[in-house]
């Protein structure tokens, strides 16, 4: 995600801790655990004032280069948050649309399963490989990921 933010500066105080980056006037906190089938913070995206939730490759004021569009209620994992230089609450989240069934902790929870995996409208060409968990427990293939406005994301309690 930081690769799409030219001139971002990052540091990690200790191994295993979250990485902290700055980009323009943004303070970005990258979750050291990231998205995996065993760890992560999960939630859903919600349509605000547009027909779909836009996954952006960069943060404002950069032009909104849209990676993909998600439908209301799409299940996602969050890997980072961005705060303004003076704000204490995140204004943006970096999320990845992942298969609901890939997260075992969601198996018996109806709030995860409904509405289920929704179609993704890609704004770029893809490899044709579905988003899936690889042998290392990480997501691989065409997993739609990008920045969404905080008001378009709702994290599940305790991450799940």
Protein backbone atom coordinates (compact mmCIF):
# COMPACT_ATOMS: atom_id res chain seq x y z
CA UNK A 1 0.00 0.00 0.00
CA UNK A 2 2.87 2.37 0.73
CA UNK A 3 4.30 1.67 -2.74
CA UNK A 4 1.45 3.79 -4.17
CA UNK A 5 2.42 6.70 -1.91
CA UNK A 6 5.51 8.34 -3.39
CA UNK A 7 7.87 9.86 -0.83
CA UNK A 8 6.25 8.07 2.10
CA UNK A 9 8.58 7.75 5.07
CA UNK A 10 8.22 4.71 7.34
CA UNK A 11 9.69 3.42 10.59
CA UNK A 12 9.12 0.45 12.86
CA UNK A 13 10.21 0.90 16.48
CA UNK A 14 10.57 -2.81 17.23
CA UNK A 15 10.23 -6.00 15.25
CA UNK A 16 6.62 -7.18 15.32
CA UNK A 17 5.27 -3.73 16.12
CA UNK A 18 3.08 -1.75 13.76
CA UNK A 19 4.90 0.23 11.10
CA UNK A 20 4.32 3.99 11.21
CA UNK A 21 4.52 6.05 8.03
CA UNK A 22 4.03 9.65 7.03
CA UNK A 23 2.85 10.83 3.64
CA UNK A 24 2.10 14.51 3.01
CA UNK A 25 -0.09 15.43 6.00
CA UNK A 26 -1.11 11.83 6.77
CA UNK A 27 0.03 9.62 9.64
CA UNK A 28 -0.38 6.00 8.59
CA UNK A 29 -0.43 3.06 11.00
CA UNK A 30 0.17 -0.30 9.25
CA UNK A 31 -0.97 -3.36 11.21
CA UNK A 32 2.03 -5.68 11.70
CA UNK A 33 -0.27 -8.72 11.50
CA UNK A 34 -1.85 -7.64 8.25
CA UNK A 35 -4.58 -9.71 6.67
CA UNK A 36 -4.29 -13.45 6.99
CA UNK A 37 -6.65 -16.35 7.45
CA UNK A 38 -5.77 -16.49 11.18
CA UNK A 39 -5.23 -12.84 12.15
CA UNK A 40 -6.67 -9.53 11.19
CA UNK A 41 -9.31 -6.96 11.86
CA UNK A 42 -12.46 -7.53 9.88
CA UNK A 43 -15.51 -5.54 8.96
CA UNK A 44 -17.66 -4.44 6.05
CA UNK A 45 -17.76 -1.49 3.70
CA UNK A 46 -20.87 0.65 3.42
CA UNK A 47 -22.00 2.88 0.59
CA UNK A 48 -21.90 6.55 1.50
CA UNK A 49 -23.01 8.93 -1.22
CA UNK A 50 -21.92 6.98 -4.29
CA UNK A 51 -23.27 3.87 -6.03
CA UNK A 52 -20.31 1.79 -4.81
CA UNK A 53 -17.41 1.97 -2.38
CA UNK A 54 -14.31 3.05 -4.30
CA UNK A 55 -11.01 1.38 -3.38
CA UNK A 56 -8.43 4.10 -4.02
CA UNK A 57 -4.74 3.42 -4.65
CA UNK A 58 -3.61 6.64 -2.92
CA UNK A 59 -4.69 9.14 -0.27
CA UNK A 60 -5.85 12.71 -0.95
CA UNK A 61 -4.84 15.11 -2.31
CA UNK A 62 -3.65 12.67 -4.99
CA UNK A 63 -6.08 11.97 -7.80
CA UNK A 64 -8.42 9.11 -6.85
CA UNK A 65 -6.95 6.30 -8.96
CA UNK A 66 -9.63 3.67 -8.34
CA UNK A 67 -8.52 0.03 -8.09
CA UNK A 68 -11.99 -1.50 -7.82
CA UNK A 69 -15.54 -0.82 -6.72
CA UNK A 70 -17.20 -2.80 -3.92
CA UNK A 71 -20.87 -3.29 -3.17
CA UNK A 72 -22.56 -2.34 0.08
CA UNK A 73 -21.82 -4.88 2.84
CA UNK A 74 -18.70 -6.42 1.26
CA UNK A 75 -16.63 -8.34 3.85
CA UNK A 76 -13.08 -6.93 4.21
CA UNK A 77 -9.94 -7.10 6.31
CA UNK A 78 -8.33 -3.81 7.37
CA UNK A 79 -4.53 -3.50 7.27
CA UNK A 80 -3.89 0.21 7.86
CA UNK A 81 -5.43 3.47 8.94
CA UNK A 82 -4.57 7.07 8.08
CA UNK A 83 -5.06 10.11 10.32
CA UNK A 84 -4.64 13.74 9.45
CA UNK A 85 -1.66 15.56 10.96
CA UNK A 86 -3.76 16.91 13.83
CA UNK A 87 -6.54 14.30 14.07
CA UNK A 88 -6.78 11.45 16.54
CA UNK A 89 -9.37 9.38 14.67
CA UNK A 90 -8.69 7.61 11.36
CA UNK A 91 -10.07 9.33 8.27
CA UNK A 92 -9.14 6.52 5.86
CA UNK A 93 -8.71 2.74 6.09
CA UNK A 94 -6.77 0.43 3.79
CA UNK A 95 -8.95 -2.65 3.29
CA UNK A 96 -8.84 -5.87 1.30
CA UNK A 97 -11.92 -7.75 0.07
CA UNK A 98 -11.40 -11.37 1.07
CA UNK A 99 -13.57 -14.51 0.91
CA UNK A 100 -15.75 -14.76 4.03
CA UNK A 101 -15.25 -18.54 4.24
CA UNK A 102 -11.47 -18.05 4.51
CA UNK A 103 -11.82 -16.68 8.06
CA UNK A 104 -12.66 -19.58 10.39
CA UNK A 105 -13.69 -17.23 13.20
CA UNK A 106 -16.53 -16.06 10.94
CA UNK A 107 -17.92 -19.53 10.20
CA UNK A 108 -20.77 -19.46 12.73
CA UNK A 109 -21.46 -15.74 12.72
CA UNK A 110 -24.35 -14.51 10.60
CA UNK A 111 -23.07 -10.92 10.61
CA UNK A 112 -20.04 -12.16 8.63
CA UNK A 113 -21.91 -14.39 6.21
CA UNK A 114 -24.62 -11.96 5.07
CA UNK A 115 -24.65 -10.82 2.33
CA UNK A 116 -21.68 -13.12 1.57
CA UNK A 117 -19.01 -12.61 -1.07
CA UNK A 118 -20.20 -9.98 -3.51
CA UNK A 119 -19.06 -9.34 -7.09
CA UNK A 120 -16.19 -6.86 -7.45
CA UNK A 121 -16.10 -4.35 -10.28
CA UNK A 122 -12.44 -4.08 -11.29
CA UNK A 123 -11.12 -0.84 -12.76
CA UNK A 124 -7.90 -2.49 -13.98
CA UNK A 125 -7.01 -5.78 -15.63
CA UNK A 126 -6.64 -8.79 -13.32
CA UNK A 127 -4.77 -12.09 -13.47
CA UNK A 128 -7.97 -14.12 -13.43
CA UNK A 129 -6.95 -15.91 -10.22
CA UNK A 130 -9.56 -15.65 -7.49
CA UNK A 131 -8.57 -14.21 -4.12
CA UNK A 132 -7.60 -17.14 -1.92
CA UNK A 133 -5.46 -18.16 1.04
CA UNK A 134 -2.04 -19.52 0.03
CA UNK A 135 0.04 -22.18 1.83
CA UNK A 136 1.54 -19.51 4.15
CA UNK A 137 -1.90 -18.35 5.29
CA UNK A 138 -1.71 -15.09 3.32
CA UNK A 139 -4.06 -13.89 0.61
CA UNK A 140 -2.99 -14.26 -3.00
CA UNK A 141 -4.56 -13.79 -6.42
CA UNK A 142 -6.88 -10.96 -7.33
CA UNK A 143 -7.73 -9.53 -3.91
CA UNK A 144 -9.22 -6.05 -4.31
CA UNK A 145 -7.49 -3.65 -1.92
CA UNK A 146 -7.36 0.10 -1.42
CA UNK A 147 -8.16 3.12 0.73
CA UNK A 148 -11.76 3.86 1.77
CA UNK A 149 -13.16 6.79 3.73
CA UNK A 150 -13.68 6.07 7.44
CA UNK A 151 -17.43 6.62 7.10
CA UNK A 152 -17.51 3.84 4.48
CA UNK A 153 -16.01 1.20 6.79
CA UNK A 154 -17.39 -0.50 9.86
CA UNK A 155 -15.08 -2.70 11.92
CA UNK A 156 -16.55 -5.65 13.77
CA UNK A 157 -16.34 -5.46 17.55
CA UNK A 158 -12.89 -6.59 18.71
CA UNK A 159 -11.98 -6.93 15.02
CA UNK A 160 -14.50 -9.76 14.64
